[in-house]
């Protein structure tokens, strides 16, 4: 994916993101003033936010607490990317990313989350909220920073669950497959049972209960790989037979819901 870029310039960064044209220095939200949840994320939703601001480490997942890499998305379709060396790039979002960004604003409620290494302030006018969704959108922010700062994207790196469900019918010419991305988008697909490209797919967002269950597995379980698929867990708990059966039932339920109701 290639994004048209404007001129890049060097700028001594006084802040990660300026929400006001009157000043460039934004005072960070102090964690002591915010309620912490079980995942170590502090959040507030009381005040409306102006834009989308992400700050984190240069290497996602590292323990660098400087929050020197940042991304600002403006409602008008511009992205401002700042790296940890002081380079600032302004980018016009392509139609696909702009459409997703607009959809997310309409779908999710406004929030701010902060961890020891990252901070995300999200503008939203929707009603969907919760810790699991905050973690999901934080994953989306990391991905967009990586894509917009490098101009490269890896779809596989965004996939947290991929699972084969077996034949769609007795003919066994098409098999069911579910793919779920880190921020809660899912794809119900059919593929040739003998292997090959996707034949058809329906896409949609996970429902909150579905995401919360997946989020619990992702945060608790160690990475799971089976002949049928994988779950990119980040925990240490070993998956048992009962857990595997629950995952398979969840996958089947999500696939059928999307296949019946999801847009092509």
C-alpha atoms as a PDB file:
ATOM      1  CA  UNK A   1       0.000   0.000   0.000  1.00  0.00           C
ATOM      2  CA  UNK A   2       1.488   3.347  -1.002  1.00  0.00           C
ATOM      3  CA  UNK A   3       0.410   6.607   0.569  1.00  0.00           C
ATOM      4  CA  UNK A   4       1.056   9.951  -1.162  1.00  0.00           C
ATOM      5  CA  UNK A   5       3.394  11.915   1.070  1.00  0.00           C
ATOM      6  CA  UNK A   6       4.006  15.610   1.324  1.00  0.00           C
ATOM      7  CA  UNK A   7       7.303  17.226   2.081  1.00  0.00           C
ATOM      8  CA  UNK A   8       9.038  15.905   5.183  1.00  0.00           C
ATOM      9  CA  UNK A   9      10.838  18.352   7.408  1.00  0.00           C
ATOM     10  CA  UNK A  10      12.856  18.322  10.595  1.00  0.00           C
ATOM     11  CA  UNK A  11      11.195  19.867  13.619  1.00  0.00           C
ATOM     12  CA  UNK A  12      12.404  19.932  17.205  1.00  0.00           C
ATOM     13  CA  UNK A  13       9.452  18.310  18.910  1.00  0.00           C
ATOM     14  CA  UNK A  14       8.161  20.236  21.890  1.00  0.00           C
ATOM     15  CA  UNK A  15       5.307  17.797  22.200  1.00  0.00           C
ATOM     16  CA  UNK A  16       3.950  14.663  20.613  1.00  0.00           C
ATOM     17  CA  UNK A  17       0.715  16.197  19.372  1.00  0.00           C
ATOM     18  CA  UNK A  18      -0.699  19.721  19.631  1.00  0.00           C
ATOM     19  CA  UNK A  19      -4.442  19.880  20.010  1.00  0.00           C
ATOM     20  CA  UNK A  20      -4.505  23.676  20.109  1.00  0.00           C
ATOM     21  CA  UNK A  21      -3.070  26.051  17.527  1.00  0.00           C
ATOM     22  CA  UNK A  22      -2.189  28.412  20.357  1.00  0.00           C
ATOM     23  CA  UNK A  23       0.488  26.215  21.876  1.00  0.00           C
ATOM     24  CA  UNK A  24       2.614  23.205  21.039  1.00  0.00           C
ATOM     25  CA  UNK A  25       3.092  21.872  24.543  1.00  0.00           C
ATOM     26  CA  UNK A  26       0.322  19.662  25.900  1.00  0.00           C
ATOM     27  CA  UNK A  27       0.376  18.738  29.538  1.00  0.00           C
ATOM     28  CA  UNK A  28       0.043  14.952  29.862  1.00  0.00           C
ATOM     29  CA  UNK A  29      -2.822  13.475  31.822  1.00  0.00           C
ATOM     30  CA  UNK A  30      -1.518  12.389  35.187  1.00  0.00           C
ATOM     31  CA  UNK A  31      -2.247   8.714  35.898  1.00  0.00           C
ATOM     32  CA  UNK A  32      -2.901   9.515  39.558  1.00  0.00           C
ATOM     33  CA  UNK A  33      -6.030  11.397  38.525  1.00  0.00           C
ATOM     34  CA  UNK A  34      -7.463   8.568  36.457  1.00  0.00           C
ATOM     35  CA  UNK A  35      -9.068   5.276  37.466  1.00  0.00           C
ATOM     36  CA  UNK A  36      -6.936   2.244  36.591  1.00  0.00           C
ATOM     37  CA  UNK A  37      -8.470  -0.973  35.333  1.00  0.00           C
ATOM     38  CA  UNK A  38      -7.245  -4.535  35.681  1.00  0.00           C
ATOM     39  CA  UNK A  39      -5.162  -4.352  32.504  1.00  0.00           C
ATOM     40  CA  UNK A  40      -3.094  -1.451  33.801  1.00  0.00           C
ATOM     41  CA  UNK A  41      -4.754   1.031  31.439  1.00  0.00           C
ATOM     42  CA  UNK A  42      -5.947   4.322  32.824  1.00  0.00           C
ATOM     43  CA  UNK A  43      -8.823   6.000  31.048  1.00  0.00           C
ATOM     44  CA  UNK A  44     -11.256   8.890  31.077  1.00  0.00           C
ATOM     45  CA  UNK A  45     -14.235   9.580  28.898  1.00  0.00           C
ATOM     46  CA  UNK A  46     -15.637  12.749  30.454  1.00  0.00           C
ATOM     47  CA  UNK A  47     -14.468  15.412  28.004  1.00  0.00           C
ATOM     48  CA  UNK A  48     -14.889  15.525  24.222  1.00  0.00           C
ATOM     49  CA  UNK A  49     -11.635  15.068  22.356  1.00  0.00           C
ATOM     50  CA  UNK A  50     -10.406  16.887  19.255  1.00  0.00           C
ATOM     51  CA  UNK A  51      -8.920  14.333  16.875  1.00  0.00           C
ATOM     52  CA  UNK A  52      -7.010  11.093  17.290  1.00  0.00           C
ATOM     53  CA  UNK A  53      -3.645  11.170  19.036  1.00  0.00           C
ATOM     54  CA  UNK A  54      -1.322   8.205  19.575  1.00  0.00           C
ATOM     55  CA  UNK A  55       2.100   8.277  21.213  1.00  0.00           C
ATOM     56  CA  UNK A  56       4.314   5.285  21.868  1.00  0.00           C
ATOM     57  CA  UNK A  57       7.759   3.744  21.413  1.00  0.00           C
ATOM     58  CA  UNK A  58       9.644   3.643  18.123  1.00  0.00           C
ATOM     59  CA  UNK A  59       9.455  -0.159  18.245  1.00  0.00           C
ATOM     60  CA  UNK A  60       5.919  -1.361  19.167  1.00  0.00           C
ATOM     61  CA  UNK A  61       5.997  -3.664  22.140  1.00  0.00           C
ATOM     62  CA  UNK A  62       9.272  -2.355  23.523  1.00  0.00           C
ATOM     63  CA  UNK A  63       9.611  -1.072  27.094  1.00  0.00           C
ATOM     64  CA  UNK A  64      10.639   2.425  25.969  1.00  0.00           C
ATOM     65  CA  UNK A  65       8.507   4.817  28.034  1.00  0.00           C
ATOM     66  CA  UNK A  66       9.482   8.017  26.199  1.00  0.00           C
ATOM     67  CA  UNK A  67       6.383   8.000  23.926  1.00  0.00           C
ATOM     68  CA  UNK A  68       8.551   9.695  21.311  1.00  0.00           C
ATOM     69  CA  UNK A  69       6.714   8.293  18.248  1.00  0.00           C
ATOM     70  CA  UNK A  70       3.328   9.864  17.519  1.00  0.00           C
ATOM     71  CA  UNK A  71       0.413   9.874  15.112  1.00  0.00           C
ATOM     72  CA  UNK A  72      -2.313  12.487  14.774  1.00  0.00           C
ATOM     73  CA  UNK A  73      -5.353  11.862  12.577  1.00  0.00           C
ATOM     74  CA  UNK A  74      -7.448  14.893  11.703  1.00  0.00           C
ATOM     75  CA  UNK A  75     -11.106  14.772  10.711  1.00  0.00           C
ATOM     76  CA  UNK A  76     -10.268  16.360   7.369  1.00  0.00           C
ATOM     77  CA  UNK A  77      -8.311  13.313   6.236  1.00  0.00           C
ATOM     78  CA  UNK A  78      -4.754  14.270   7.145  1.00  0.00           C
ATOM     79  CA  UNK A  79      -2.307  12.275   9.223  1.00  0.00           C
ATOM     80  CA  UNK A  80       0.745  13.762  10.939  1.00  0.00           C
ATOM     81  CA  UNK A  81       3.444  11.232  11.808  1.00  0.00           C
ATOM     82  CA  UNK A  82       6.388  12.106  14.067  1.00  0.00           C
ATOM     83  CA  UNK A  83       9.233   9.691  14.686  1.00  0.00           C
ATOM     84  CA  UNK A  84      11.678   9.546  17.562  1.00  0.00           C
ATOM     85  CA  UNK A  85      14.400  11.434  15.678  1.00  0.00           C
ATOM     86  CA  UNK A  86      12.260  14.540  15.119  1.00  0.00           C
ATOM     87  CA  UNK A  87      11.077  13.879  11.565  1.00  0.00           C
ATOM     88  CA  UNK A  88       7.501  15.021  10.941  1.00  0.00           C
ATOM     89  CA  UNK A  89       5.525  13.879   7.900  1.00  0.00           C
ATOM     90  CA  UNK A  90       2.067  15.016   6.780  1.00  0.00           C
ATOM     91  CA  UNK A  91       0.122  12.440   4.786  1.00  0.00           C
ATOM     92  CA  UNK A  92      -3.223  12.485   2.993  1.00  0.00           C
ATOM     93  CA  UNK A  93      -5.136   9.355   3.982  1.00  0.00           C
ATOM     94  CA  UNK A  94      -6.231   7.118   1.138  1.00  0.00           C
ATOM     95  CA  UNK A  95      -9.949   6.502   0.657  1.00  0.00           C
ATOM     96  CA  UNK A  96      -9.929   3.097   2.330  1.00  0.00           C
ATOM     97  CA  UNK A  97      -8.225   4.268   5.506  1.00  0.00           C
ATOM     98  CA  UNK A  98     -10.282   7.455   5.630  1.00  0.00           C
ATOM     99  CA  UNK A  99     -13.506   5.444   5.336  1.00  0.00           C
ATOM    100  CA  UNK A 100     -12.466   3.123   8.172  1.00  0.00           C
ATOM    101  CA  UNK A 101     -11.418   6.067  10.348  1.00  0.00           C
ATOM    102  CA  UNK A 102     -14.794   7.769   9.784  1.00  0.00           C
ATOM    103  CA  UNK A 103     -16.629   4.535  10.552  1.00  0.00           C
ATOM    104  CA  UNK A 104     -14.692   4.105  13.789  1.00  0.00           C
ATOM    105  CA  UNK A 105     -15.509   7.652  14.887  1.00  0.00           C
ATOM    106  CA  UNK A 106     -19.214   6.969  14.382  1.00  0.00           C
ATOM    107  CA  UNK A 107     -19.073   3.548  16.048  1.00  0.00           C
ATOM    108  CA  UNK A 108     -17.024   4.042  19.224  1.00  0.00           C
ATOM    109  CA  UNK A 109     -17.279   6.408  22.186  1.00  0.00           C
ATOM    110  CA  UNK A 110     -14.519   8.882  23.017  1.00  0.00           C
ATOM    111  CA  UNK A 111     -11.837   7.756  25.445  1.00  0.00           C
ATOM    112  CA  UNK A 112      -8.255   8.244  26.576  1.00  0.00           C
ATOM    113  CA  UNK A 113      -6.056   5.303  27.568  1.00  0.00           C
ATOM    114  CA  UNK A 114      -2.544   5.430  28.906  1.00  0.00           C
ATOM    115  CA  UNK A 115      -0.073   2.672  29.709  1.00  0.00           C
ATOM    116  CA  UNK A 116       3.534   3.026  30.853  1.00  0.00           C
ATOM    117  CA  UNK A 117       4.671   3.086  27.197  1.00  0.00           C
ATOM    118  CA  UNK A 118       1.694   4.340  25.154  1.00  0.00           C
ATOM    119  CA  UNK A 119      -1.083   6.911  25.137  1.00  0.00           C
ATOM    120  CA  UNK A 120      -4.144   7.088  22.879  1.00  0.00           C
ATOM    121  CA  UNK A 121      -6.759   9.832  22.793  1.00  0.00           C
ATOM    122  CA  UNK A 122      -9.661   8.857  20.563  1.00  0.00           C
ATOM    123  CA  UNK A 123     -12.541  10.989  19.334  1.00  0.00           C
ATOM    124  CA  UNK A 124     -15.787   9.131  18.863  1.00  0.00           C
ATOM    125  CA  UNK A 125     -19.468   9.916  18.778  1.00  0.00           C
ATOM    126  CA  UNK A 126     -20.720   6.346  19.049  1.00  0.00           C
ATOM    127  CA  UNK A 127     -21.960   4.328  22.001  1.00  0.00           C
ATOM    128  CA  UNK A 128     -19.632   1.301  21.956  1.00  0.00           C
ATOM    129  CA  UNK A 129     -17.112   1.386  24.800  1.00  0.00           C
ATOM    130  CA  UNK A 130     -15.187  -0.835  27.183  1.00  0.00           C
ATOM    131  CA  UNK A 131     -11.667  -1.917  28.098  1.00  0.00           C
ATOM    132  CA  UNK A 132     -11.505  -4.607  25.408  1.00  0.00           C
ATOM    133  CA  UNK A 133     -12.380  -2.082  22.696  1.00  0.00           C
ATOM    134  CA  UNK A 134      -9.829   0.371  24.051  1.00  0.00           C
ATOM    135  CA  UNK A 135      -7.129  -2.290  23.759  1.00  0.00           C
ATOM    136  CA  UNK A 136      -8.371  -3.162  20.269  1.00  0.00           C
ATOM    137  CA  UNK A 137      -8.210   0.441  19.050  1.00  0.00           C
ATOM    138  CA  UNK A 138      -4.797   0.831  20.652  1.00  0.00           C
ATOM    139  CA  UNK A 139      -3.679  -2.082  18.461  1.00  0.00           C
ATOM    140  CA  UNK A 140      -5.175  -0.271  15.439  1.00  0.00           C
ATOM    141  CA  UNK A 141      -3.243   2.881  16.376  1.00  0.00           C
ATOM    142  CA  UNK A 142       0.042   0.957  16.554  1.00  0.00           C
ATOM    143  CA  UNK A 143      -0.614  -0.546  13.139  1.00  0.00           C
ATOM    144  CA  UNK A 144      -1.477   2.796  11.540  1.00  0.00           C
ATOM    145  CA  UNK A 145       1.658   4.395  12.949  1.00  0.00           C
ATOM    146  CA  UNK A 146       3.763   1.541  11.560  1.00  0.00           C
ATOM    147  CA  UNK A 147       2.075   1.723   8.146  1.00  0.00           C
ATOM    148  CA  UNK A 148       2.083   5.492   7.771  1.00  0.00           C
ATOM    149  CA  UNK A 149       5.638   5.914   9.028  1.00  0.00           C
ATOM    150  CA  UNK A 150       7.069   3.205   6.756  1.00  0.00           C
ATOM    151  CA  UNK A 151       4.635   3.006   3.829  1.00  0.00           C
ATOM    152  CA  UNK A 152       4.493  -0.771   4.280  1.00  0.00           C
ATOM    153  CA  UNK A 153       1.844  -3.038   5.746  1.00  0.00           C
ATOM    154  CA  UNK A 154       1.722  -6.698   6.714  1.00  0.00           C
ATOM    155  CA  UNK A 155      -1.781  -8.127   6.933  1.00  0.00           C
ATOM    156  CA  UNK A 156      -0.473 -11.240   8.663  1.00  0.00           C
ATOM    157  CA  UNK A 157       0.963  -9.137  11.464  1.00  0.00           C
ATOM    158  CA  UNK A 158      -2.512  -7.774  12.237  1.00  0.00           C
ATOM    159  CA  UNK A 159      -4.204 -11.179  12.458  1.00  0.00           C
ATOM    160  CA  UNK A 160      -4.857 -12.446  15.977  1.00  0.00           C
ATOM    161  CA  UNK A 161      -7.010 -15.441  15.040  1.00  0.00           C
ATOM    162  CA  UNK A 162      -7.257 -17.556  11.884  1.00  0.00           C
ATOM    163  CA  UNK A 163      -9.262 -20.772  11.887  1.00  0.00           C
ATOM    164  CA  UNK A 164     -10.533 -23.424   9.460  1.00  0.00           C
ATOM    165  CA  UNK A 165     -14.021 -24.757  10.200  1.00  0.00           C
ATOM    166  CA  UNK A 166     -14.216 -27.517   7.629  1.00  0.00           C
ATOM    167  CA  UNK A 167     -16.513 -28.070   4.620  1.00  0.00           C
ATOM    168  CA  UNK A 168     -19.437 -25.755   3.989  1.00  0.00           C
ATOM    169  CA  UNK A 169     -21.549 -28.558   2.492  1.00  0.00           C
ATOM    170  CA  UNK A 170     -21.510 -32.264   1.705  1.00  0.00           C
ATOM    171  CA  UNK A 171     -19.763 -31.647  -1.608  1.00  0.00           C
ATOM    172  CA  UNK A 172     -16.697 -30.479   0.329  1.00  0.00           C
ATOM    173  CA  UNK A 173     -15.755 -28.131  -2.475  1.00  0.00           C
ATOM    174  CA  UNK A 174     -15.726 -25.069  -0.206  1.00  0.00           C
ATOM    175  CA  UNK A 175     -14.447 -24.812   3.345  1.00  0.00           C
ATOM    176  CA  UNK A 176     -15.213 -22.174   5.978  1.00  0.00           C
ATOM    177  CA  UNK A 177     -12.467 -19.963   7.377  1.00  0.00           C
ATOM    178  CA  UNK A 178     -12.520 -17.108   9.913  1.00  0.00           C
ATOM    179  CA  UNK A 179      -9.911 -14.366  10.153  1.00  0.00           C
ATOM    180  CA  UNK A 180      -9.970 -11.795  12.973  1.00  0.00           C
ATOM    181  CA  UNK A 181      -7.789  -8.687  13.070  1.00  0.00           C
ATOM    182  CA  UNK A 182      -6.342  -7.168  16.231  1.00  0.00           C
ATOM    183  CA  UNK A 183      -8.855  -4.291  16.346  1.00  0.00           C
ATOM    184  CA  UNK A 184     -11.992  -6.422  16.112  1.00  0.00           C
ATOM    185  CA  UNK A 185     -12.712  -6.636  12.384  1.00  0.00           C
ATOM    186  CA  UNK A 186     -13.478 -10.161  11.197  1.00  0.00           C
ATOM    187  CA  UNK A 187     -13.749 -11.949   7.842  1.00  0.00           C
ATOM    188  CA  UNK A 188     -15.968 -14.981   7.250  1.00  0.00           C
ATOM    189  CA  UNK A 189     -14.497 -16.633   4.160  1.00  0.00           C
ATOM    190  CA  UNK A 190     -14.955 -19.642   1.964  1.00  0.00           C
ATOM    191  CA  UNK A 191     -11.899 -21.260   0.406  1.00  0.00           C
ATOM    192  CA  UNK A 192     -11.351 -24.404  -1.676  1.00  0.00           C
ATOM    193  CA  UNK A 193     -11.023 -27.340   0.708  1.00  0.00           C
ATOM    194  CA  UNK A 194      -8.055 -28.527  -1.332  1.00  0.00           C
ATOM    195  CA  UNK A 195      -6.314 -25.180  -0.849  1.00  0.00           C
ATOM    196  CA  UNK A 196      -6.262 -21.960  -2.786  1.00  0.00           C
ATOM    197  CA  UNK A 197      -7.461 -18.360  -2.778  1.00  0.00           C
ATOM    198  CA  UNK A 198     -10.533 -16.999  -1.026  1.00  0.00           C
ATOM    199  CA  UNK A 199     -13.733 -17.731  -3.003  1.00  0.00           C
ATOM    200  CA  UNK A 200     -16.075 -15.355  -1.158  1.00  0.00           C
ATOM    201  CA  UNK A 201     -16.117 -13.428   2.087  1.00  0.00           C
ATOM    202  CA  UNK A 202     -18.322 -11.372   4.383  1.00  0.00           C
ATOM    203  CA  UNK A 203     -16.802  -8.837   6.754  1.00  0.00           C
ATOM    204  CA  UNK A 204     -17.901  -7.012   9.875  1.00  0.00           C
ATOM    205  CA  UNK A 205     -17.003  -5.950  13.411  1.00  0.00           C
ATOM    206  CA  UNK A 206     -17.095  -8.330  16.323  1.00  0.00           C
ATOM    207  CA  UNK A 207     -19.899  -7.710  18.777  1.00  0.00           C
ATOM    208  CA  UNK A 208     -18.792  -6.542  22.210  1.00  0.00           C
ATOM    209  CA  UNK A 209     -19.402  -9.897  23.908  1.00  0.00           C
ATOM    210  CA  UNK A 210     -17.458 -11.646  21.140  1.00  0.00           C
ATOM    211  CA  UNK A 211     -14.534  -9.256  21.440  1.00  0.00           C
ATOM    212  CA  UNK A 212     -14.466  -9.497  25.229  1.00  0.00           C
ATOM    213  CA  UNK A 213     -14.196 -13.280  25.021  1.00  0.00           C
ATOM    214  CA  UNK A 214     -11.445 -13.102  22.400  1.00  0.00           C
ATOM    215  CA  UNK A 215      -9.647 -10.416  24.411  1.00  0.00           C
ATOM    216  CA  UNK A 216      -9.697 -12.677  27.476  1.00  0.00           C
ATOM    217  CA  UNK A 217      -8.082 -15.483  25.479  1.00  0.00           C
ATOM    218  CA  UNK A 218      -5.501 -13.188  23.914  1.00  0.00           C
ATOM    219  CA  UNK A 219      -4.422 -11.755  27.265  1.00  0.00           C
ATOM    220  CA  UNK A 220      -4.473 -15.074  29.168  1.00  0.00           C
ATOM    221  CA  UNK A 221      -3.342 -17.811  26.776  1.00  0.00           C
ATOM    222  CA  UNK A 222       0.073 -18.483  25.352  1.00  0.00           C
ATOM    223  CA  UNK A 223       0.201 -18.570  21.526  1.00  0.00           C
ATOM    224  CA  UNK A 224      -1.924 -21.461  20.276  1.00  0.00           C
ATOM    225  CA  UNK A 225      -1.210 -23.336  17.051  1.00  0.00           C
ATOM    226  CA  UNK A 226      -3.305 -26.295  15.909  1.00  0.00           C
ATOM    227  CA  UNK A 227      -3.865 -28.011  12.539  1.00  0.00           C
ATOM    228  CA  UNK A 228      -7.089 -25.978  12.263  1.00  0.00           C
ATOM    229  CA  UNK A 229      -5.715 -22.549  13.110  1.00  0.00           C
ATOM    230  CA  UNK A 230      -4.027 -20.277  15.605  1.00  0.00           C
ATOM    231  CA  UNK A 231      -4.713 -17.687  18.282  1.00  0.00           C
ATOM    232  CA  UNK A 232      -1.982 -15.095  18.833  1.00  0.00           C
ATOM    233  CA  UNK A 233      -2.159 -15.151  22.630  1.00  0.00           C
ATOM    234  CA  UNK A 234       0.184 -12.985  24.677  1.00  0.00           C
ATOM    235  CA  UNK A 235      -0.282 -14.736  28.027  1.00  0.00           C
ATOM    236  CA  UNK A 236       1.207 -17.794  29.697  1.00  0.00           C
ATOM    237  CA  UNK A 237      -1.793 -20.035  30.348  1.00  0.00           C
ATOM    238  CA  UNK A 238      -1.776 -23.372  28.537  1.00  0.00           C
ATOM    239  CA  UNK A 239      -4.858 -24.182  26.479  1.00  0.00           C
ATOM    240  CA  UNK A 240      -6.705 -27.295  27.596  1.00  0.00           C
ATOM    241  CA  UNK A 241      -9.173 -29.491  25.698  1.00  0.00           C
ATOM    242  CA  UNK A 242     -12.163 -27.606  27.098  1.00  0.00           C
ATOM    243  CA  UNK A 243     -10.620 -24.277  26.121  1.00  0.00           C
ATOM    244  CA  UNK A 244     -10.010 -25.517  22.591  1.00  0.00           C
ATOM    245  CA  UNK A 245     -13.628 -26.636  22.286  1.00  0.00           C
ATOM    246  CA  UNK A 246     -14.782 -23.187  23.475  1.00  0.00           C
ATOM    247  CA  UNK A 247     -12.580 -21.475  20.881  1.00  0.00           C
ATOM    248  CA  UNK A 248     -13.943 -23.688  18.105  1.00  0.00           C
ATOM    249  CA  UNK A 249     -17.532 -22.953  19.176  1.00  0.00           C
ATOM    250  CA  UNK A 250     -16.778 -19.201  19.277  1.00  0.00           C
ATOM    251  CA  UNK A 251     -15.229 -19.323  15.798  1.00  0.00           C
ATOM    252  CA  UNK A 252     -18.239 -21.179  14.380  1.00  0.00           C
ATOM    253  CA  UNK A 253     -20.695 -18.742  15.976  1.00  0.00           C
ATOM    254  CA  UNK A 254     -18.880 -15.657  14.657  1.00  0.00           C
ATOM    255  CA  UNK A 255     -18.467 -17.149  11.176  1.00  0.00           C
ATOM    256  CA  UNK A 256     -22.159 -17.995  10.816  1.00  0.00           C
ATOM    257  CA  UNK A 257     -23.286 -14.607  12.170  1.00  0.00           C
ATOM    258  CA  UNK A 258     -21.093 -12.745   9.708  1.00  0.00           C
ATOM    259  CA  UNK A 259     -21.976 -15.018   6.797  1.00  0.00           C
ATOM    260  CA  UNK A 260     -25.666 -14.403   7.342  1.00  0.00           C
ATOM    261  CA  UNK A 261     -25.559 -10.675   8.126  1.00  0.00           C
ATOM    262  CA  UNK A 262     -22.212  -9.266   6.999  1.00  0.00           C
ATOM    263  CA  UNK A 263     -21.809  -7.189   3.829  1.00  0.00           C
ATOM    264  CA  UNK A 264     -19.785  -8.767   1.031  1.00  0.00           C
END
